[in-house]
């Protein structure tokens, strides 16, 4: 009886509350700051939060009636941009976003943009679920993102959809980021006391040598524990596996659906060579400032690590950063300083069906592996205007065209490594570079986060040995990140 009473008190000491699911979008000074507490774990995004929308029966953006029952909200979306200079790239698109709440348990949202464009660079290539390249540099795309969320009680939340997820406090993430393309997923989150547990199933795909799609899956656990109201730590593990290998067609392994099993012993019990990654993260908050970090371990041998042999199979990476918000004379500022690194061959595997990527792009840091980076951000924002400055320095090891892998491209088999020992960050063709981006934007519509923007890009590296300056102008509904900072 005492145990039942203790368990009841434990699970009623927290709550998901009635929720909506936010967007995986960059932090700005006027964003609602999610405090770290026994019921909030800000290292898992998008955030689950209390629905703050005015309740209404049916509306199109701009015509909301207050104090009525909320069912459906429709918002027009725009995506258009032009890059000046020698490339002459552009992108245009129109769409809509629909959100809905139902009986304080269900939340639904879907956003879709249909567009076309032309690009000679990576500036405007859409990171969309559906993408079709036409003739030459022309393309068309359909960017679809959405999720449905069900919160039956104060303990559980269930989500599914086509979208991106993000783990961490940083601009980048070494565990799971939103730099790649959206994917179908299913997610379970549960809270008990100062713990939150997430199980994430991702349904990914890669192109084969004959340009056919081949499925691959991940199954991820993340345990987050708030040690105090200011300190949070998390343990991460994920397995990447293909439904079909050289020996059998196994589909989605039922063993990997288990929400509490540890994958490494499970992998050995299956007799498989699936890709297992382990990680951890922490955050320390004081007022509106946060120190945070992550570590990711792909493989390593402790004996080789102690010997400092730089063995190719010691594959790991990490992150350390500090960020915060400052209010001065009614001016809102956001700052960040962050460093990231990954040793050669981290996230890679024997084939693309087992590496930590999706549709040709990394699932973690956009550089893949074999890099070191330090970046800084400074943002200023009013209700309508915002100024953003992004600066980063990086050192990377690029691949040579000699049929070997030097550890930077995670889509090259790690069996093609050049040498067994003395593998350093910068293997292959060493490149040092710097990038500065200054962005000015003006908010037109708050409900769709519709902004007109002007971006100034200045970059250079040791291989090109000359500075490159570009200007990007456009108008866009900023519901998800559209990165051009790498």
Protein backbone atom coordinates (compact mmCIF):
# COMPACT_ATOMS: atom_id res chain seq x y z
CA UNK A 1 0.00 0.00 0.00
CA UNK A 2 2.85 2.37 0.87
CA UNK A 3 4.48 1.60 -2.50
CA UNK A 4 1.27 2.40 -4.40
CA UNK A 5 0.88 5.69 -2.52
CA UNK A 6 4.52 6.64 -3.21
CA UNK A 7 4.14 5.81 -6.91
CA UNK A 8 0.94 7.87 -7.11
CA UNK A 9 2.64 10.88 -5.52
CA UNK A 10 5.58 10.47 -7.89
CA UNK A 11 3.63 10.46 -11.13
CA UNK A 12 1.32 13.28 -10.07
CA UNK A 13 4.26 15.57 -9.31
CA UNK A 14 4.55 16.56 -12.94
CA UNK A 15 2.45 17.10 -16.01
CA UNK A 16 2.63 17.46 -19.77
CA UNK A 17 -0.35 19.84 -19.40
CA UNK A 18 -2.59 20.29 -22.40
CA UNK A 19 -0.18 20.73 -25.21
CA UNK A 20 0.72 21.90 -28.60
CA UNK A 21 3.92 20.89 -30.33
CA UNK A 22 6.18 23.75 -31.33
CA UNK A 23 8.43 24.11 -34.37
CA UNK A 24 12.09 23.16 -34.61
CA UNK A 25 13.23 26.72 -35.24
CA UNK A 26 16.13 28.87 -34.09
CA UNK A 27 16.18 30.66 -30.76
CA UNK A 28 15.50 34.39 -30.79
CA UNK A 29 15.47 36.95 -27.98
CA UNK A 30 11.67 37.24 -27.89
CA UNK A 31 10.98 33.50 -27.99
CA UNK A 32 9.17 32.21 -24.93
CA UNK A 33 11.97 30.86 -22.76
CA UNK A 34 11.17 27.34 -21.55
CA UNK A 35 12.38 27.14 -17.94
CA UNK A 36 14.18 24.06 -16.70
CA UNK A 37 12.02 22.41 -14.06
CA UNK A 38 10.70 19.00 -13.10
CA UNK A 39 8.25 19.21 -16.01
CA UNK A 40 10.43 20.78 -18.72
CA UNK A 41 13.38 19.20 -20.54
CA UNK A 42 14.56 21.71 -23.09
CA UNK A 43 17.16 19.39 -24.64
CA UNK A 44 14.38 17.61 -26.59
CA UNK A 45 12.85 19.60 -29.45
CA UNK A 46 10.34 20.50 -30.69
CA UNK A 47 9.05 21.56 -27.29
CA UNK A 48 5.82 20.25 -25.86
CA UNK A 49 4.10 23.27 -24.37
CA UNK A 50 0.80 24.65 -23.15
CA UNK A 51 -1.42 25.84 -25.99
CA UNK A 52 -1.40 29.64 -25.88
CA UNK A 53 -3.41 30.28 -29.04
CA UNK A 54 -6.70 32.09 -28.81
CA UNK A 55 -9.40 29.47 -29.05
CA UNK A 56 -11.55 29.59 -32.16
CA UNK A 57 -13.80 27.37 -34.26
CA UNK A 58 -12.46 28.00 -37.73
CA UNK A 59 -10.27 30.78 -39.02
CA UNK A 60 -7.83 31.90 -41.62
CA UNK A 61 -4.85 33.86 -40.31
CA UNK A 62 -5.90 37.38 -39.38
CA UNK A 63 -9.54 36.55 -38.73
CA UNK A 64 -9.41 34.83 -35.38
CA UNK A 65 -12.36 35.23 -33.09
CA UNK A 66 -11.50 35.18 -29.40
CA UNK A 67 -13.18 33.16 -26.68
CA UNK A 68 -14.64 30.46 -28.92
CA UNK A 69 -13.84 26.77 -29.19
CA UNK A 70 -10.60 26.04 -31.05
CA UNK A 71 -10.78 23.44 -33.82
CA UNK A 72 -8.91 24.48 -36.97
CA UNK A 73 -6.45 27.23 -37.86
CA UNK A 74 -5.28 27.75 -41.47
CA UNK A 75 -2.29 29.94 -42.33
CA UNK A 76 -0.94 30.74 -45.84
CA UNK A 77 2.80 30.06 -46.35
CA UNK A 78 5.36 31.68 -48.65
CA UNK A 79 8.88 30.61 -49.59
CA UNK A 80 10.76 32.82 -52.08
CA UNK A 81 14.38 33.89 -52.34
CA UNK A 82 17.01 35.17 -54.76
CA UNK A 83 20.78 34.88 -54.52
CA UNK A 84 22.66 37.64 -56.29
CA UNK A 85 26.04 37.18 -57.90
CA UNK A 86 27.40 34.73 -60.45
CA UNK A 87 25.12 31.80 -59.51
CA UNK A 88 21.78 33.58 -59.93
CA UNK A 89 20.00 30.98 -57.81
CA UNK A 90 16.35 31.41 -56.85
CA UNK A 91 13.50 29.50 -55.19
CA UNK A 92 9.75 30.15 -55.15
CA UNK A 93 6.97 28.36 -53.33
CA UNK A 94 3.44 28.72 -51.92
CA UNK A 95 1.54 26.59 -49.45
CA UNK A 96 -0.48 26.47 -46.26
CA UNK A 97 -0.28 25.36 -42.66
CA UNK A 98 -3.15 23.75 -40.73
CA UNK A 99 -3.22 23.27 -36.95
CA UNK A 100 -5.95 21.82 -34.79
CA UNK A 101 -6.72 20.89 -31.19
CA UNK A 102 -9.38 18.42 -30.15
CA UNK A 103 -10.74 17.74 -26.66
CA UNK A 104 -7.50 18.81 -24.94
CA UNK A 105 -5.80 15.55 -25.83
CA UNK A 106 -5.14 15.70 -29.57
CA UNK A 107 -2.98 18.19 -31.44
CA UNK A 108 -2.50 18.10 -35.21
CA UNK A 109 -0.46 20.22 -37.58
CA UNK A 110 0.61 19.91 -41.19
CA UNK A 111 2.44 22.38 -43.44
CA UNK A 112 3.10 21.99 -47.16
CA UNK A 113 4.84 24.19 -49.72
CA UNK A 114 4.91 23.49 -53.46
CA UNK A 115 7.66 25.27 -55.36
CA UNK A 116 10.31 25.36 -58.03
CA UNK A 117 13.65 27.01 -58.57
CA UNK A 118 17.06 27.04 -60.16
CA UNK A 119 20.41 26.77 -58.46
CA UNK A 120 24.08 26.36 -59.34
CA UNK A 121 25.05 26.02 -55.69
CA UNK A 122 23.72 24.49 -52.48
CA UNK A 123 22.10 27.78 -51.42
CA UNK A 124 18.53 27.04 -52.42
CA UNK A 125 18.46 23.26 -52.84
CA UNK A 126 15.38 22.39 -50.74
CA UNK A 127 15.76 19.92 -47.89
CA UNK A 128 12.31 18.52 -48.62
CA UNK A 129 10.80 15.05 -48.29
CA UNK A 130 9.69 15.10 -51.95
CA UNK A 131 12.23 16.51 -54.40
CA UNK A 132 12.53 16.22 -58.16
CA UNK A 133 15.38 17.50 -60.29
CA UNK A 134 14.31 18.58 -63.74
CA UNK A 135 16.59 19.61 -66.60
CA UNK A 136 19.98 21.15 -65.86
CA UNK A 137 19.92 23.22 -62.69
CA UNK A 138 16.11 23.43 -62.51
CA UNK A 139 14.15 21.58 -59.84
CA UNK A 140 10.70 21.29 -58.32
CA UNK A 141 9.88 20.32 -54.77
CA UNK A 142 7.07 19.63 -52.31
CA UNK A 143 8.06 20.34 -48.74
CA UNK A 144 5.64 18.51 -46.44
CA UNK A 145 5.96 18.47 -42.66
CA UNK A 146 3.44 17.54 -40.04
CA UNK A 147 2.76 15.61 -36.88
CA UNK A 148 -0.11 14.39 -34.82
CA UNK A 149 0.22 14.37 -31.04
CA UNK A 150 -1.88 12.54 -28.45
CA UNK A 151 -1.60 13.16 -24.70
CA UNK A 152 -3.90 10.70 -22.93
CA UNK A 153 -2.82 11.68 -19.41
CA UNK A 154 -0.11 13.47 -17.43
CA UNK A 155 2.41 10.71 -18.03
CA UNK A 156 2.50 9.90 -21.74
CA UNK A 157 2.69 11.75 -25.02
CA UNK A 158 2.59 9.99 -28.41
CA UNK A 159 3.60 11.62 -31.69
CA UNK A 160 3.92 10.55 -35.33
CA UNK A 161 4.40 12.34 -38.63
CA UNK A 162 6.87 13.55 -41.23
CA UNK A 163 9.15 16.10 -39.65
CA UNK A 164 12.53 16.66 -38.01
CA UNK A 165 13.58 16.29 -34.40
CA UNK A 166 16.47 17.89 -32.52
CA UNK A 167 18.36 16.81 -29.39
CA UNK A 168 20.44 19.36 -27.50
CA UNK A 169 20.82 23.02 -26.59
CA UNK A 170 23.20 24.01 -29.37
CA UNK A 171 23.06 25.59 -32.79
CA UNK A 172 24.39 22.25 -34.00
CA UNK A 173 23.78 18.85 -32.43
CA UNK A 174 26.17 15.93 -32.28
CA UNK A 175 23.31 13.56 -31.42
CA UNK A 176 20.41 14.49 -33.74
CA UNK A 177 19.97 17.74 -35.67
CA UNK A 178 17.56 19.27 -38.19
CA UNK A 179 20.09 20.10 -40.93
CA UNK A 180 18.97 17.25 -43.16
CA UNK A 181 15.66 16.25 -44.69
CA UNK A 182 12.43 15.43 -42.84
CA UNK A 183 11.49 11.79 -42.41
CA UNK A 184 8.56 9.69 -41.19
CA UNK A 185 8.83 9.01 -37.47
CA UNK A 186 7.00 7.81 -34.39
CA UNK A 187 7.80 9.01 -30.88
CA UNK A 188 6.84 8.14 -27.30
CA UNK A 189 7.63 10.49 -24.42
CA UNK A 190 6.94 9.88 -20.77
CA UNK A 191 7.64 11.85 -17.61
CA UNK A 192 7.96 10.56 -14.08
CA UNK A 193 9.25 12.86 -11.37
CA UNK A 194 12.46 14.52 -12.54
CA UNK A 195 12.92 12.01 -15.39
CA UNK A 196 11.79 12.21 -19.00
CA UNK A 197 12.19 9.29 -21.38
CA UNK A 198 11.92 9.48 -25.16
CA UNK A 199 11.74 6.64 -27.66
CA UNK A 200 12.10 7.72 -31.30
CA UNK A 201 11.64 5.53 -34.37
CA UNK A 202 12.87 7.04 -37.66
CA UNK A 203 12.06 5.64 -41.10
CA UNK A 204 14.86 6.74 -43.42
CA UNK A 205 15.97 5.95 -46.96
CA UNK A 206 18.98 6.10 -49.29
CA UNK A 207 19.48 5.84 -53.02
CA UNK A 208 21.19 2.72 -54.36
CA UNK A 209 23.70 2.55 -57.22
CA UNK A 210 20.80 2.27 -59.72
CA UNK A 211 19.02 5.30 -58.17
CA UNK A 212 16.33 3.24 -56.42
CA UNK A 213 15.26 4.05 -52.86
CA UNK A 214 16.30 1.63 -50.15
CA UNK A 215 14.84 1.79 -46.64
CA UNK A 216 16.80 2.02 -43.40
CA UNK A 217 15.64 2.60 -39.84
CA UNK A 218 16.80 3.98 -36.51
CA UNK A 219 15.57 3.30 -33.02
CA UNK A 220 16.63 5.81 -30.36
CA UNK A 221 16.42 6.15 -26.58
CA UNK A 222 17.01 9.36 -24.66
CA UNK A 223 16.78 9.50 -20.87
CA UNK A 224 16.80 13.04 -19.49
CA UNK A 225 17.17 13.67 -15.75
CA UNK A 226 16.85 17.04 -14.04
CA UNK A 227 19.30 16.76 -11.16
CA UNK A 228 18.09 20.13 -9.87
CA UNK A 229 16.03 22.97 -11.32
CA UNK A 230 19.27 24.22 -12.90
CA UNK A 231 21.12 21.05 -13.91
CA UNK A 232 20.01 18.48 -16.48
CA UNK A 233 21.83 15.44 -17.83
CA UNK A 234 20.87 12.97 -20.54
CA UNK A 235 21.90 9.55 -21.84
CA UNK A 236 21.47 8.78 -25.56
CA UNK A 237 21.68 5.63 -27.64
CA UNK A 238 20.59 4.82 -31.17
CA UNK A 239 20.84 1.90 -33.57
CA UNK A 240 20.83 2.25 -37.36
CA UNK A 241 19.88 -0.84 -39.34
CA UNK A 242 18.64 -1.94 -42.75
CA UNK A 243 15.56 -4.13 -43.20
CA UNK A 244 17.48 -6.28 -45.67
CA UNK A 245 21.10 -7.40 -45.66
CA UNK A 246 23.14 -10.05 -47.45
CA UNK A 247 21.70 -12.90 -45.38
CA UNK A 248 18.02 -12.18 -44.83
CA UNK A 249 15.15 -9.77 -45.30
CA UNK A 250 14.18 -9.07 -41.69
CA UNK A 251 12.04 -5.92 -41.93
CA UNK A 252 11.85 -3.75 -38.82
CA UNK A 253 13.33 -5.87 -36.00
CA UNK A 254 10.72 -6.24 -33.28
CA UNK A 255 13.54 -6.34 -30.71
CA UNK A 256 14.37 -2.71 -31.51
CA UNK A 257 10.81 -1.66 -30.69
CA UNK A 258 11.45 -2.47 -27.03
CA UNK A 259 11.38 0.92 -25.25
CA UNK A 260 13.79 0.01 -22.45
CA UNK A 261 16.30 -2.51 -23.82
CA UNK A 262 19.97 -1.56 -24.29
CA UNK A 263 20.86 -1.89 -27.94
CA UNK A 264 24.47 -3.11 -27.71
CA UNK A 265 23.68 -6.46 -26.01
CA UNK A 266 20.54 -6.70 -28.13
CA UNK A 267 22.62 -6.26 -31.28
CA UNK A 268 24.97 -9.06 -30.24
CA UNK A 269 22.01 -11.34 -29.46
CA UNK A 270 20.73 -10.78 -33.01
CA UNK A 271 24.13 -11.60 -34.46
CA UNK A 272 24.04 -8.40 -36.52
CA UNK A 273 26.52 -5.68 -37.39
CA UNK A 274 24.06 -2.83 -36.99
CA UNK A 275 25.46 0.61 -36.20
CA UNK A 276 25.20 1.57 -32.52
CA UNK A 277 25.97 5.08 -31.26
CA UNK A 278 26.07 6.12 -27.60
CA UNK A 279 26.04 9.65 -26.25
CA UNK A 280 25.43 11.97 -23.34
CA UNK A 281 24.57 15.61 -22.81
CA UNK A 282 24.30 18.14 -20.01
CA UNK A 283 23.03 21.66 -19.40
CA UNK A 284 23.66 24.02 -16.51
CA UNK A 285 21.30 26.97 -16.31
CA UNK A 286 21.64 30.17 -14.31
CA UNK A 287 19.02 32.85 -14.81
CA UNK A 288 18.83 33.20 -18.63
CA UNK A 289 22.28 31.76 -19.35
CA UNK A 290 23.10 28.13 -20.16
CA UNK A 291 26.32 26.14 -20.34
CA UNK A 292 25.79 22.95 -22.33
CA UNK A 293 27.63 20.08 -23.95
CA UNK A 294 27.37 16.71 -25.70
CA UNK A 295 29.54 13.70 -26.42
CA UNK A 296 28.93 11.04 -29.08
CA UNK A 297 30.74 7.70 -29.18
CA UNK A 298 30.57 5.57 -32.31
CA UNK A 299 33.36 3.08 -31.56
CA UNK A 300 36.57 3.09 -29.57
CA UNK A 301 39.15 0.88 -27.86
CA UNK A 302 40.35 2.16 -24.50
CA UNK A 303 43.80 0.63 -24.99
CA UNK A 304 44.29 2.51 -28.27
CA UNK A 305 42.97 5.68 -26.65
CA UNK A 306 45.48 5.42 -23.81
CA UNK A 307 48.27 4.72 -26.28
CA UNK A 308 47.32 7.87 -28.22
CA UNK A 309 47.80 5.90 -31.42
CA UNK A 310 45.09 7.84 -33.30
CA UNK A 311 43.61 4.49 -34.35
CA UNK A 312 41.05 4.88 -37.12
CA UNK A 313 38.39 3.00 -35.12
CA UNK A 314 38.39 5.47 -32.23
CA UNK A 315 35.39 7.39 -33.52
CA UNK A 316 33.85 10.04 -31.29
CA UNK A 317 32.88 13.71 -31.18
CA UNK A 318 31.73 16.40 -28.81
CA UNK A 319 30.26 19.82 -28.20
CA UNK A 320 30.70 22.55 -25.59
CA UNK A 321 28.90 25.88 -25.59
CA UNK A 322 27.39 28.76 -23.68
CA UNK A 323 24.36 30.83 -24.64
CA UNK A 324 22.08 33.37 -23.04
CA UNK A 325 19.68 36.27 -23.29
CA UNK A 326 20.26 39.84 -22.17
CA UNK A 327 17.74 42.63 -21.64
CA UNK A 328 19.31 46.10 -21.71
CA UNK A 329 17.32 49.33 -21.96
CA UNK A 330 14.36 47.42 -23.42
CA UNK A 331 16.67 45.92 -26.06
CA UNK A 332 16.60 42.11 -26.35
CA UNK A 333 19.80 40.24 -27.20
CA UNK A 334 20.77 36.59 -27.64
CA UNK A 335 24.35 35.33 -27.72
CA UNK A 336 26.06 31.97 -28.24
CA UNK A 337 29.62 30.63 -28.36
CA UNK A 338 29.94 26.97 -29.32
CA UNK A 339 32.61 24.47 -30.36
CA UNK A 340 32.05 21.12 -32.10
CA UNK A 341 34.32 18.35 -33.32
CA UNK A 342 34.19 14.81 -34.68
CA UNK A 343 37.12 12.50 -35.35
CA UNK A 344 37.56 10.87 -38.75
CA UNK A 345 35.12 8.05 -39.62
CA UNK A 346 32.62 9.00 -36.89
CA UNK A 347 29.02 8.25 -38.02
CA UNK A 348 30.28 6.20 -41.01
CA UNK A 349 29.77 2.48 -41.48
CA UNK A 350 30.25 -0.27 -44.04
CA UNK A 351 27.38 0.90 -46.26
CA UNK A 352 24.98 3.82 -46.55
CA UNK A 353 22.30 1.54 -45.14
CA UNK A 354 24.07 1.57 -41.77
CA UNK A 355 25.64 5.01 -41.50
CA UNK A 356 24.11 7.85 -39.45
CA UNK A 357 22.55 9.72 -42.35
CA UNK A 358 19.37 10.14 -44.37
CA UNK A 359 18.96 10.74 -48.11
CA UNK A 360 22.63 11.59 -48.59
CA UNK A 361 22.88 14.02 -45.65
CA UNK A 362 24.18 13.57 -42.06
CA UNK A 363 21.69 13.24 -39.22
CA UNK A 364 24.01 15.04 -36.80
CA UNK A 365 26.48 17.82 -37.69
CA UNK A 366 26.27 19.04 -41.34
CA UNK A 367 30.06 18.65 -41.78
CA UNK A 368 29.73 14.90 -41.17
CA UNK A 369 33.02 13.98 -39.49
CA UNK A 370 36.74 14.83 -39.51
CA UNK A 371 36.29 18.46 -38.46
CA UNK A 372 36.68 21.02 -35.70
CA UNK A 373 34.51 24.14 -35.51
CA UNK A 374 33.96 27.14 -33.28
CA UNK A 375 31.02 29.46 -33.90
CA UNK A 376 29.46 32.56 -32.43
CA UNK A 377 26.02 34.15 -32.70
CA UNK A 378 24.68 37.53 -31.68
CA UNK A 379 21.02 38.49 -32.24
CA UNK A 380 18.95 41.57 -31.55
CA UNK A 381 15.19 41.68 -31.91
CA UNK A 382 12.18 43.93 -31.44
CA UNK A 383 8.58 42.96 -32.11
CA UNK A 384 9.10 43.47 -35.86
CA UNK A 385 12.80 43.87 -36.63
CA UNK A 386 15.70 41.51 -36.01
CA UNK A 387 19.43 41.60 -36.71
CA UNK A 388 21.49 38.40 -36.63
CA UNK A 389 25.22 37.83 -36.95
CA UNK A 390 26.73 34.37 -37.35
CA UNK A 391 30.49 33.75 -37.46
CA UNK A 392 32.33 30.44 -37.55
CA UNK A 393 35.84 29.12 -38.07
CA UNK A 394 36.34 25.50 -39.10
CA UNK A 395 39.04 23.01 -39.97
CA UNK A 396 37.99 20.02 -42.08
CA UNK A 397 39.54 17.05 -43.81
CA UNK A 398 38.10 16.65 -47.30
CA UNK A 399 38.25 13.49 -49.36
CA UNK A 400 40.80 12.84 -52.07
CA UNK A 401 39.81 11.22 -55.33
CA UNK A 402 41.94 8.09 -54.84
CA UNK A 403 39.40 5.40 -53.80
CA UNK A 404 40.30 5.76 -50.12
CA UNK A 405 38.24 7.22 -47.31
CA UNK A 406 39.86 9.89 -45.14
CA UNK A 407 36.98 10.00 -42.65
CA UNK A 408 35.08 13.15 -43.58
CA UNK A 409 32.36 11.80 -45.87
CA UNK A 410 30.16 9.52 -43.78
CA UNK A 411 28.79 7.95 -46.98
CA UNK A 412 32.15 6.36 -47.82
CA UNK A 413 32.72 2.92 -46.31
CA UNK A 414 35.05 2.98 -43.34
CA UNK A 415 36.58 -0.23 -44.72
CA UNK A 416 38.36 2.01 -47.22
CA UNK A 417 40.40 3.84 -44.59
CA UNK A 418 43.80 5.02 -45.82
CA UNK A 419 45.85 4.07 -42.77
CA UNK A 420 45.16 2.27 -39.51
CA UNK A 421 47.01 4.67 -37.18
CA UNK A 422 47.87 8.39 -36.95
CA UNK A 423 44.48 9.60 -38.11
CA UNK A 424 44.01 13.24 -37.11
CA UNK A 425 41.26 15.78 -37.71
CA UNK A 426 42.26 17.25 -41.05
CA UNK A 427 43.06 13.90 -42.72
CA UNK A 428 42.96 14.04 -46.51
CA UNK A 429 42.80 17.53 -48.00
CA UNK A 430 43.03 19.89 -45.06
CA UNK A 431 40.81 22.95 -45.32
CA UNK A 432 40.58 25.93 -42.96
CA UNK A 433 37.73 28.33 -43.48
CA UNK A 434 35.73 31.18 -42.01
CA UNK A 435 32.18 32.36 -42.68
CA UNK A 436 30.33 35.52 -41.67
CA UNK A 437 26.57 35.94 -42.17
CA UNK A 438 24.73 39.15 -41.30
CA UNK A 439 20.93 39.02 -41.62
CA UNK A 440 18.28 41.71 -41.32
CA UNK A 441 14.62 40.67 -41.25
CA UNK A 442 11.22 42.27 -40.73
CA UNK A 443 8.18 40.38 -39.39
CA UNK A 444 5.07 40.77 -41.55
CA UNK A 445 2.74 38.20 -39.99
CA UNK A 446 3.23 36.64 -36.56
CA UNK A 447 0.95 33.61 -36.94
CA UNK A 448 2.96 32.25 -39.90
CA UNK A 449 6.24 33.94 -38.84
CA UNK A 450 6.30 35.52 -42.31
CA UNK A 451 9.46 37.60 -42.72
CA UNK A 452 11.24 39.55 -45.42
CA UNK A 453 15.00 39.15 -45.08
CA UNK A 454 18.35 40.30 -46.42
CA UNK A 455 21.38 38.07 -45.87
CA UNK A 456 25.01 39.07 -46.44
CA UNK A 457 27.42 36.13 -46.80
CA UNK A 458 31.19 36.57 -46.64
CA UNK A 459 33.32 33.43 -46.67
CA UNK A 460 36.78 32.19 -47.52
CA UNK A 461 38.98 29.12 -47.11
CA UNK A 462 42.57 28.05 -47.63
CA UNK A 463 41.81 26.07 -50.78
CA UNK A 464 40.14 28.83 -52.82
CA UNK A 465 42.42 31.53 -51.37
CA UNK A 466 39.93 34.29 -52.12
CA UNK A 467 36.95 35.82 -50.38
CA UNK A 468 33.44 35.11 -51.64
CA UNK A 469 30.61 37.59 -51.07
CA UNK A 470 26.95 36.89 -51.80
CA UNK A 471 23.64 38.57 -51.02
CA UNK A 472 20.40 36.63 -50.50
CA UNK A 473 17.03 38.41 -50.38
CA UNK A 474 13.61 36.88 -49.95
CA UNK A 475 10.31 36.49 -48.14
CA UNK A 476 9.60 33.34 -46.18
CA UNK A 477 7.27 31.80 -43.60
CA UNK A 478 9.88 30.75 -41.04
CA UNK A 479 8.31 27.64 -39.49
CA UNK A 480 11.44 25.52 -39.88
CA UNK A 481 15.12 26.30 -40.30
CA UNK A 482 16.54 26.93 -43.77
CA UNK A 483 20.25 26.72 -43.06
CA UNK A 484 22.93 28.38 -45.13
CA UNK A 485 25.57 28.57 -42.38
CA UNK A 486 27.88 25.71 -43.35
